[in-house]
Structure formats: structure tokens, C-alpha cells
Amino acid sequence: MKLTRKQIENYYENECAFRDYEFKRASSWGKCSVARSINLLNPTKYALEDALNVFVRDGYGTIVIYLGKEKNK
């Protein structure tokens, strides 16, 4: 199940006390990303957990979350 923006915010900020993330449009997937970032397209809660684990372990800069369907190529 894909999560809404509000569900993602609640998970990271309330459950994890984590704020180093940002949202982008899914149509820009793979085109504009922050340096040293973890990119997620339409994440599930498990994907958020995995991204946070990688962030803590490897010290990436930002988790970038793309919302919506991936643009057709």
C-alpha cells in the first residue's frame, strides 16, 4: 500500500523524530535529486524504514520522496 504525504510526514516526524526528507513530483524521478540522497518512488512504510536505516548507517544527506506514478518513458 502506497502512503500519502501526510502519512509519511507522521511516520518520520512523530514515530522517528526525523525531518531530513523532502517531497518531489514523481515525473521528475531520476532527473532532479539532492546530492548524497536516498530516492524513493511511491514508498511503502517498509521502504521508509529501509531508507531510514540506510540513512543512519551510511550518513546520506536527504531522503527524497517522489509522490505519484512514475512518468511513462
PDB file of N, CA and C in Angstrom:
ATOM      1  N   MET A   1       0.832  -1.192   0.000  1.00  0.00           N
ATOM      2  CA  MET A   1       0.000   0.000   0.000  1.00  0.00           C
ATOM      3  C   MET A   1       0.875   1.254   0.000  1.00  0.00           C
ATOM      4  N   LYS A   2       0.635   2.140  -0.939  1.00  0.00           N
ATOM      5  CA  LYS A   2       1.389   3.382  -1.001  1.00  0.00           C
ATOM      6  C   LYS A   2       0.848   4.349   0.047  1.00  0.00           C
ATOM      7  N   LEU A   3       1.732   5.142   0.581  1.00  0.00           N
ATOM      8  CA  LEU A   3       1.355   6.064   1.644  1.00  0.00           C
ATOM      9  C   LEU A   3       1.112   7.464   1.101  1.00  0.00           C
ATOM     10  N   THR A   4       0.277   8.231   1.801  1.00  0.00           N
ATOM     11  CA  THR A   4       0.053   9.620   1.431  1.00  0.00           C
ATOM     12  C   THR A   4       1.163  10.481   2.024  1.00  0.00           C
ATOM     13  N   ARG A   5       1.256  11.691   1.544  1.00  0.00           N
ATOM     14  CA  ARG A   5       2.257  12.633   2.054  1.00  0.00           C
ATOM     15  C   ARG A   5       2.105  12.811   3.567  1.00  0.00           C
ATOM     16  N   LYS A   6       0.859  12.932   4.030  1.00  0.00           N
ATOM     17  CA  LYS A   6       0.614  13.141   5.464  1.00  0.00           C
ATOM     18  C   LYS A   6       1.053  11.924   6.283  1.00  0.00           C
ATOM     19  N   GLN A   7       0.781  10.719   5.781  1.00  0.00           N
ATOM     20  CA  GLN A   7       1.199   9.501   6.485  1.00  0.00           C
ATOM     21  C   GLN A   7       2.720   9.424   6.587  1.00  0.00           C
ATOM     22  N   ILE A   8       3.399   9.825   5.511  1.00  0.00           N
ATOM     23  CA  ILE A   8       4.863   9.819   5.517  1.00  0.00           C
ATOM     24  C   ILE A   8       5.384  10.832   6.538  1.00  0.00           C
ATOM     25  N   GLU A   9       4.805  12.033   6.525  1.00  0.00           N
ATOM     26  CA  GLU A   9       5.221  13.060   7.489  1.00  0.00           C
ATOM     27  C   GLU A   9       5.020  12.572   8.916  1.00  0.00           C
ATOM     28  N   ASN A  10       3.861  11.987   9.188  1.00  0.00           N
ATOM     29  CA  ASN A  10       3.574  11.492  10.539  1.00  0.00           C
ATOM     30  C   ASN A  10       4.558  10.408  10.954  1.00  0.00           C
ATOM     31  N   TYR A  11       4.878   9.517  10.011  1.00  0.00           N
ATOM     32  CA  TYR A  11       5.793   8.421  10.335  1.00  0.00           C
ATOM     33  C   TYR A  11       7.175   8.957  10.681  1.00  0.00           C
ATOM     34  N   TYR A  12       7.724   9.802   9.811  1.00  0.00           N
ATOM     35  CA  TYR A  12       9.078  10.297  10.039  1.00  0.00           C
ATOM     36  C   TYR A  12       9.159  11.249  11.221  1.00  0.00           C
ATOM     37  N   GLU A  13       8.202  12.159  11.336  1.00  0.00           N
ATOM     38  CA  GLU A  13       8.316  13.191  12.362  1.00  0.00           C
ATOM     39  C   GLU A  13       7.827  12.737  13.735  1.00  0.00           C
ATOM     40  N   ASN A  14       6.745  11.984  13.785  1.00  0.00           N
ATOM     41  CA  ASN A  14       6.203  11.578  15.083  1.00  0.00           C
ATOM     42  C   ASN A  14       6.807  10.280  15.593  1.00  0.00           C
ATOM     43  N   GLU A  15       6.922   9.284  14.722  1.00  0.00           N
ATOM     44  CA  GLU A  15       7.441   7.989  15.167  1.00  0.00           C
ATOM     45  C   GLU A  15       8.961   7.955  15.220  1.00  0.00           C
ATOM     46  N   CYS A  16       9.611   8.679  14.288  1.00  0.00           N
ATOM     47  CA  CYS A  16      11.073   8.585  14.180  1.00  0.00           C
ATOM     48  C   CYS A  16      11.819   9.846  14.616  1.00  0.00           C
ATOM     49  N   ALA A  17      11.080  10.932  14.856  1.00  0.00           N
ATOM     50  CA  ALA A  17      11.717  12.219  15.192  1.00  0.00           C
ATOM     51  C   ALA A  17      12.778  12.580  14.149  1.00  0.00           C
ATOM     52  N   PHE A  18      12.416  12.426  12.882  1.00  0.00           N
ATOM     53  CA  PHE A  18      13.335  12.615  11.763  1.00  0.00           C
ATOM     54  C   PHE A  18      12.728  13.606  10.776  1.00  0.00           C
ATOM     55  N   ARG A  19      13.504  14.602  10.355  1.00  0.00           N
ATOM     56  CA  ARG A  19      12.955  15.625   9.462  1.00  0.00           C
ATOM     57  C   ARG A  19      13.772  15.854   8.196  1.00  0.00           C
ATOM     58  N   ASP A  20      14.826  15.072   7.985  1.00  0.00           N
ATOM     59  CA  ASP A  20      15.688  15.322   6.837  1.00  0.00           C
ATOM     60  C   ASP A  20      15.180  14.600   5.587  1.00  0.00           C
ATOM     61  N   TYR A  21      14.034  15.028   5.099  1.00  0.00           N
ATOM     62  CA  TYR A  21      13.441  14.450   3.900  1.00  0.00           C
ATOM     63  C   TYR A  21      12.763  15.559   3.124  1.00  0.00           C
ATOM     64  N   GLU A  22      12.488  15.310   1.871  1.00  0.00           N
ATOM     65  CA  GLU A  22      11.739  16.271   1.076  1.00  0.00           C
ATOM     66  C   GLU A  22      10.922  15.546   0.024  1.00  0.00           C
ATOM     67  N   PHE A  23       9.878  16.206  -0.467  1.00  0.00           N
ATOM     68  CA  PHE A  23       8.992  15.626  -1.464  1.00  0.00           C
ATOM     69  C   PHE A  23       9.244  16.249  -2.831  1.00  0.00           C
ATOM     70  N   LYS A  24       9.115  15.427  -3.877  1.00  0.00           N
ATOM     71  CA  LYS A  24       9.180  15.923  -5.247  1.00  0.00           C
ATOM     72  C   LYS A  24       8.087  15.244  -6.069  1.00  0.00           C
ATOM     73  N   ARG A  25       7.809  15.806  -7.230  1.00  0.00           N
ATOM     74  CA  ARG A  25       6.839  15.185  -8.135  1.00  0.00           C
ATOM     75  C   ARG A  25       7.451  13.946  -8.760  1.00  0.00           C
ATOM     76  N   ALA A  26       6.652  12.918  -8.917  1.00  0.00           N
ATOM     77  CA  ALA A  26       7.162  11.663  -9.471  1.00  0.00           C
ATOM     78  C   ALA A  26       7.655  11.826 -10.905  1.00  0.00           C
ATOM     79  N   SER A  27       7.123  12.808 -11.634  1.00  0.00           N
ATOM     80  CA  SER A  27       7.552  12.996 -13.024  1.00  0.00           C
ATOM     81  C   SER A  27       9.018  13.420 -13.114  1.00  0.00           C
ATOM     82  N   SER A  28       9.579  13.878 -11.996  1.00  0.00           N
ATOM     83  CA  SER A  28      10.990  14.277 -12.006  1.00  0.00           C
ATOM     84  C   SER A  28      11.890  13.179 -11.460  1.00  0.00           C
ATOM     85  N   TRP A  29      11.343  11.984 -11.292  1.00  0.00           N
ATOM     86  CA  TRP A  29      12.106  10.836 -10.779  1.00  0.00           C
ATOM     87  C   TRP A  29      13.355  10.611 -11.610  1.00  0.00           C
ATOM     88  N   GLY A  30      14.510  10.585 -10.935  1.00  0.00           N
ATOM     89  CA  GLY A  30      15.766  10.320 -11.607  1.00  0.00           C
ATOM     90  C   GLY A  30      16.361  11.513 -12.327  1.00  0.00           C
ATOM     91  N   LYS A  31      15.656  12.634 -12.343  1.00  0.00           N
ATOM     92  CA  LYS A  31      16.148  13.806 -13.064  1.00  0.00           C
ATOM     93  C   LYS A  31      16.690  14.871 -12.119  1.00  0.00           C
ATOM     94  N   CYS A  32      15.997  15.116 -11.023  1.00  0.00           N
ATOM     95  CA  CYS A  32      16.482  16.125 -10.084  1.00  0.00           C
ATOM     96  C   CYS A  32      16.544  15.503  -8.699  1.00  0.00           C
ATOM     97  N   SER A  33      17.735  15.342  -8.207  1.00  0.00           N
ATOM     98  CA  SER A  33      17.886  14.770  -6.881  1.00  0.00           C
ATOM     99  C   SER A  33      18.941  15.538  -6.102  1.00  0.00           C
ATOM    100  N   VAL A  34      18.840  15.499  -4.817  1.00  0.00           N
ATOM    101  CA  VAL A  34      19.792  16.175  -3.952  1.00  0.00           C
ATOM    102  C   VAL A  34      21.055  15.324  -3.878  1.00  0.00           C
ATOM    103  N   ALA A  35      22.177  15.994  -3.836  1.00  0.00           N
ATOM    104  CA  ALA A  35      23.433  15.247  -3.710  1.00  0.00           C
ATOM    105  C   ALA A  35      23.415  14.431  -2.424  1.00  0.00           C
ATOM    106  N   ARG A  36      23.970  13.228  -2.468  1.00  0.00           N
ATOM    107  CA  ARG A  36      24.005  12.316  -1.322  1.00  0.00           C
ATOM    108  C   ARG A  36      22.605  12.111  -0.750  1.00  0.00           C
ATOM    109  N   SER A  37      21.717  11.633  -1.594  1.00  0.00           N
ATOM    110  CA  SER A  37      20.339  11.417  -1.172  1.00  0.00           C
ATOM    111  C   SER A  37      19.917   9.970  -1.383  1.00  0.00           C
ATOM    112  N   ILE A  38      18.837   9.593  -0.719  1.00  0.00           N
ATOM    113  CA  ILE A  38      18.200   8.305  -0.936  1.00  0.00           C
ATOM    114  C   ILE A  38      16.878   8.615  -1.626  1.00  0.00           C
ATOM    115  N   ASN A  39      16.669   8.080  -2.831  1.00  0.00           N
ATOM    116  CA  ASN A  39      15.465   8.391  -3.594  1.00  0.00           C
ATOM    117  C   ASN A  39      14.438   7.272  -3.503  1.00  0.00           C
ATOM    118  N   LEU A  40      13.201   7.635  -3.217  1.00  0.00           N
ATOM    119  CA  LEU A  40      12.110   6.664  -3.103  1.00  0.00           C
ATOM    120  C   LEU A  40      10.953   7.087  -3.990  1.00  0.00           C
ATOM    121  N   LEU A  41      10.410   6.145  -4.749  1.00  0.00           N
ATOM    122  CA  LEU A  41       9.243   6.426  -5.583  1.00  0.00           C
ATOM    123  C   LEU A  41       8.037   5.722  -4.978  1.00  0.00           C
ATOM    124  N   ASN A  42       7.003   6.481  -4.649  1.00  0.00           N
ATOM    125  CA  ASN A  42       5.774   5.925  -4.070  1.00  0.00           C
ATOM    126  C   ASN A  42       6.064   4.938  -2.937  1.00  0.00           C
ATOM    127  N   PRO A  43       6.700   5.393  -1.862  1.00  0.00           N
ATOM    128  CA  PRO A  43       7.176   4.462  -0.844  1.00  0.00           C
ATOM    129  C   PRO A  43       6.084   3.817   0.002  1.00  0.00           C
ATOM    130  N   THR A  44       6.366   2.610   0.442  1.00  0.00           N
ATOM    131  CA  THR A  44       5.548   1.941   1.445  1.00  0.00           C
ATOM    132  C   THR A  44       6.204   2.205   2.796  1.00  0.00           C
ATOM    133  N   LYS A  45       5.544   1.808   3.864  1.00  0.00           N
ATOM    134  CA  LYS A  45       6.141   2.008   5.183  1.00  0.00           C
ATOM    135  C   LYS A  45       7.451   1.231   5.308  1.00  0.00           C
ATOM    136  N   TYR A  46       7.516   0.057   4.683  1.00  0.00           N
ATOM    137  CA  TYR A  46       8.746  -0.735   4.731  1.00  0.00           C
ATOM    138  C   TYR A  46       9.881  -0.015   4.011  1.00  0.00           C
ATOM    139  N   ALA A  47       9.555   0.654   2.896  1.00  0.00           N
ATOM    140  CA  ALA A  47      10.574   1.406   2.162  1.00  0.00           C
ATOM    141  C   ALA A  47      11.078   2.576   2.999  1.00  0.00           C
ATOM    142  N   LEU A  48      10.172   3.219   3.745  1.00  0.00           N
ATOM    143  CA  LEU A  48      10.581   4.317   4.617  1.00  0.00           C
ATOM    144  C   LEU A  48      11.512   3.812   5.708  1.00  0.00           C
ATOM    145  N   GLU A  49      11.181   2.665   6.282  1.00  0.00           N
ATOM    146  CA  GLU A  49      12.032   2.075   7.321  1.00  0.00           C
ATOM    147  C   GLU A  49      13.406   1.747   6.760  1.00  0.00           C
ATOM    148  N   ASP A  50      13.429   1.130   5.576  1.00  0.00           N
ATOM    149  CA  ASP A  50      14.703   0.759   4.954  1.00  0.00           C
ATOM    150  C   ASP A  50      15.546   1.997   4.656  1.00  0.00           C
ATOM    151  N   ALA A  51      14.902   3.047   4.142  1.00  0.00           N
ATOM    152  CA  ALA A  51      15.621   4.273   3.808  1.00  0.00           C
ATOM    153  C   ALA A  51      16.207   4.909   5.060  1.00  0.00           C
ATOM    154  N   LEU A  52      15.444   4.909   6.133  1.00  0.00           N
ATOM    155  CA  LEU A  52      15.930   5.499   7.381  1.00  0.00           C
ATOM    156  C   LEU A  52      17.096   4.695   7.929  1.00  0.00           C
ATOM    157  N   ASN A  53      17.027   3.380   7.818  1.00  0.00           N
ATOM    158  CA  ASN A  53      18.126   2.527   8.269  1.00  0.00           C
ATOM    159  C   ASN A  53      19.405   2.817   7.487  1.00  0.00           C
ATOM    160  N   VAL A  54      19.256   2.978   6.165  1.00  0.00           N
ATOM    161  CA  VAL A  54      20.421   3.281   5.326  1.00  0.00           C
ATOM    162  C   VAL A  54      20.961   4.660   5.680  1.00  0.00           C
ATOM    163  N   PHE A  55      20.060   5.611   5.894  1.00  0.00           N
ATOM    164  CA  PHE A  55      20.474   6.970   6.250  1.00  0.00           C
ATOM    165  C   PHE A  55      21.316   6.958   7.527  1.00  0.00           C
ATOM    166  N   VAL A  56      20.842   6.255   8.529  1.00  0.00           N
ATOM    167  CA  VAL A  56      21.548   6.201   9.806  1.00  0.00           C
ATOM    168  C   VAL A  56      22.876   5.466   9.663  1.00  0.00           C
ATOM    169  N   ARG A  57      22.857   4.378   8.920  1.00  0.00           N
ATOM    170  CA  ARG A  57      24.064   3.563   8.775  1.00  0.00           C
ATOM    171  C   ARG A  57      25.123   4.240   7.911  1.00  0.00           C
ATOM    172  N   ASP A  58      24.698   4.820   6.778  1.00  0.00           N
ATOM    173  CA  ASP A  58      25.645   5.339   5.803  1.00  0.00           C
ATOM    174  C   ASP A  58      25.790   6.856   5.805  1.00  0.00           C
ATOM    175  N   GLY A  59      24.918   7.557   6.529  1.00  0.00           N
ATOM    176  CA  GLY A  59      25.032   9.001   6.641  1.00  0.00           C
ATOM    177  C   GLY A  59      24.716   9.781   5.382  1.00  0.00           C
ATOM    178  N   TYR A  60      23.691   9.372   4.640  1.00  0.00           N
ATOM    179  CA  TYR A  60      23.274  10.133   3.466  1.00  0.00           C
ATOM    180  C   TYR A  60      22.712  11.487   3.890  1.00  0.00           C
ATOM    181  N   GLY A  61      22.578  12.404   2.931  1.00  0.00           N
ATOM    182  CA  GLY A  61      22.147  13.759   3.257  1.00  0.00           C
ATOM    183  C   GLY A  61      20.656  13.958   3.390  1.00  0.00           C
ATOM    184  N   THR A  62      19.864  13.434   2.477  1.00  0.00           N
ATOM    185  CA  THR A  62      18.420  13.677   2.488  1.00  0.00           C
ATOM    186  C   THR A  62      17.697  12.475   1.894  1.00  0.00           C
ATOM    187  N   ILE A  63      16.526  12.173   2.411  1.00  0.00           N
ATOM    188  CA  ILE A  63      15.664  11.173   1.791  1.00  0.00           C
ATOM    189  C   ILE A  63      14.686  11.938   0.893  1.00  0.00           C
ATOM    190  N   VAL A  64      14.750  11.700  -0.406  1.00  0.00           N
ATOM    191  CA  VAL A  64      13.885  12.383  -1.360  1.00  0.00           C
ATOM    192  C   VAL A  64      12.741  11.444  -1.722  1.00  0.00           C
ATOM    193  N   ILE A  65      11.509  11.890  -1.511  1.00  0.00           N
ATOM    194  CA  ILE A  65      10.327  11.058  -1.723  1.00  0.00           C
ATOM    195  C   ILE A  65       9.542  11.610  -2.911  1.00  0.00           C
ATOM    196  N   TYR A  66       9.376  10.781  -3.941  1.00  0.00           N
ATOM    197  CA  TYR A  66       8.627  11.177  -5.127  1.00  0.00           C
ATOM    198  C   TYR A  66       7.202  10.643  -5.014  1.00  0.00           C
ATOM    199  N   LEU A  67       6.225  11.525  -5.139  1.00  0.00           N
ATOM    200  CA  LEU A  67       4.829  11.131  -4.984  1.00  0.00           C
ATOM    201  C   LEU A  67       4.135  11.024  -6.331  1.00  0.00           C
ATOM    202  N   GLY A  68       3.271  10.043  -6.455  1.00  0.00           N
ATOM    203  CA  GLY A  68       2.529   9.837  -7.688  1.00  0.00           C
ATOM    204  C   GLY A  68       3.125   8.719  -8.519  1.00  0.00           C
ATOM    205  N   LYS A  69       2.558   8.486  -9.699  1.00  0.00           N
ATOM    206  CA  LYS A  69       3.024   7.412 -10.561  1.00  0.00           C
ATOM    207  C   LYS A  69       4.250   7.855 -11.338  1.00  0.00           C
ATOM    208  N   GLU A  70       5.103   6.890 -11.627  1.00  0.00           N
ATOM    209  CA  GLU A  70       6.295   7.187 -12.410  1.00  0.00           C
ATOM    210  C   GLU A  70       5.899   7.596 -13.814  1.00  0.00           C
ATOM    211  N   LYS A  71       6.590   8.599 -14.340  1.00  0.00           N
ATOM    212  CA  LYS A  71       6.307   9.100 -15.686  1.00  0.00           C
ATOM    213  C   LYS A  71       6.625   8.032 -16.719  1.00  0.00           C
ATOM    214  N   ASN A  72       5.727   7.846 -17.695  1.00  0.00           N
ATOM    215  CA  ASN A  72       5.965   6.869 -18.768  1.00  0.00           C
ATOM    216  C   ASN A  72       7.124   7.334 -19.636  1.00  0.00           C
ATOM    217  N   LYS A  73       7.970   6.368 -20.011  1.00  0.00           N
ATOM    218  CA  LYS A  73       9.152   6.729 -20.807  1.00  0.00           C
ATOM    219  C   LYS A  73       8.976   6.329 -22.248  1.00  0.00           C
TER     220      LYS A  73
END
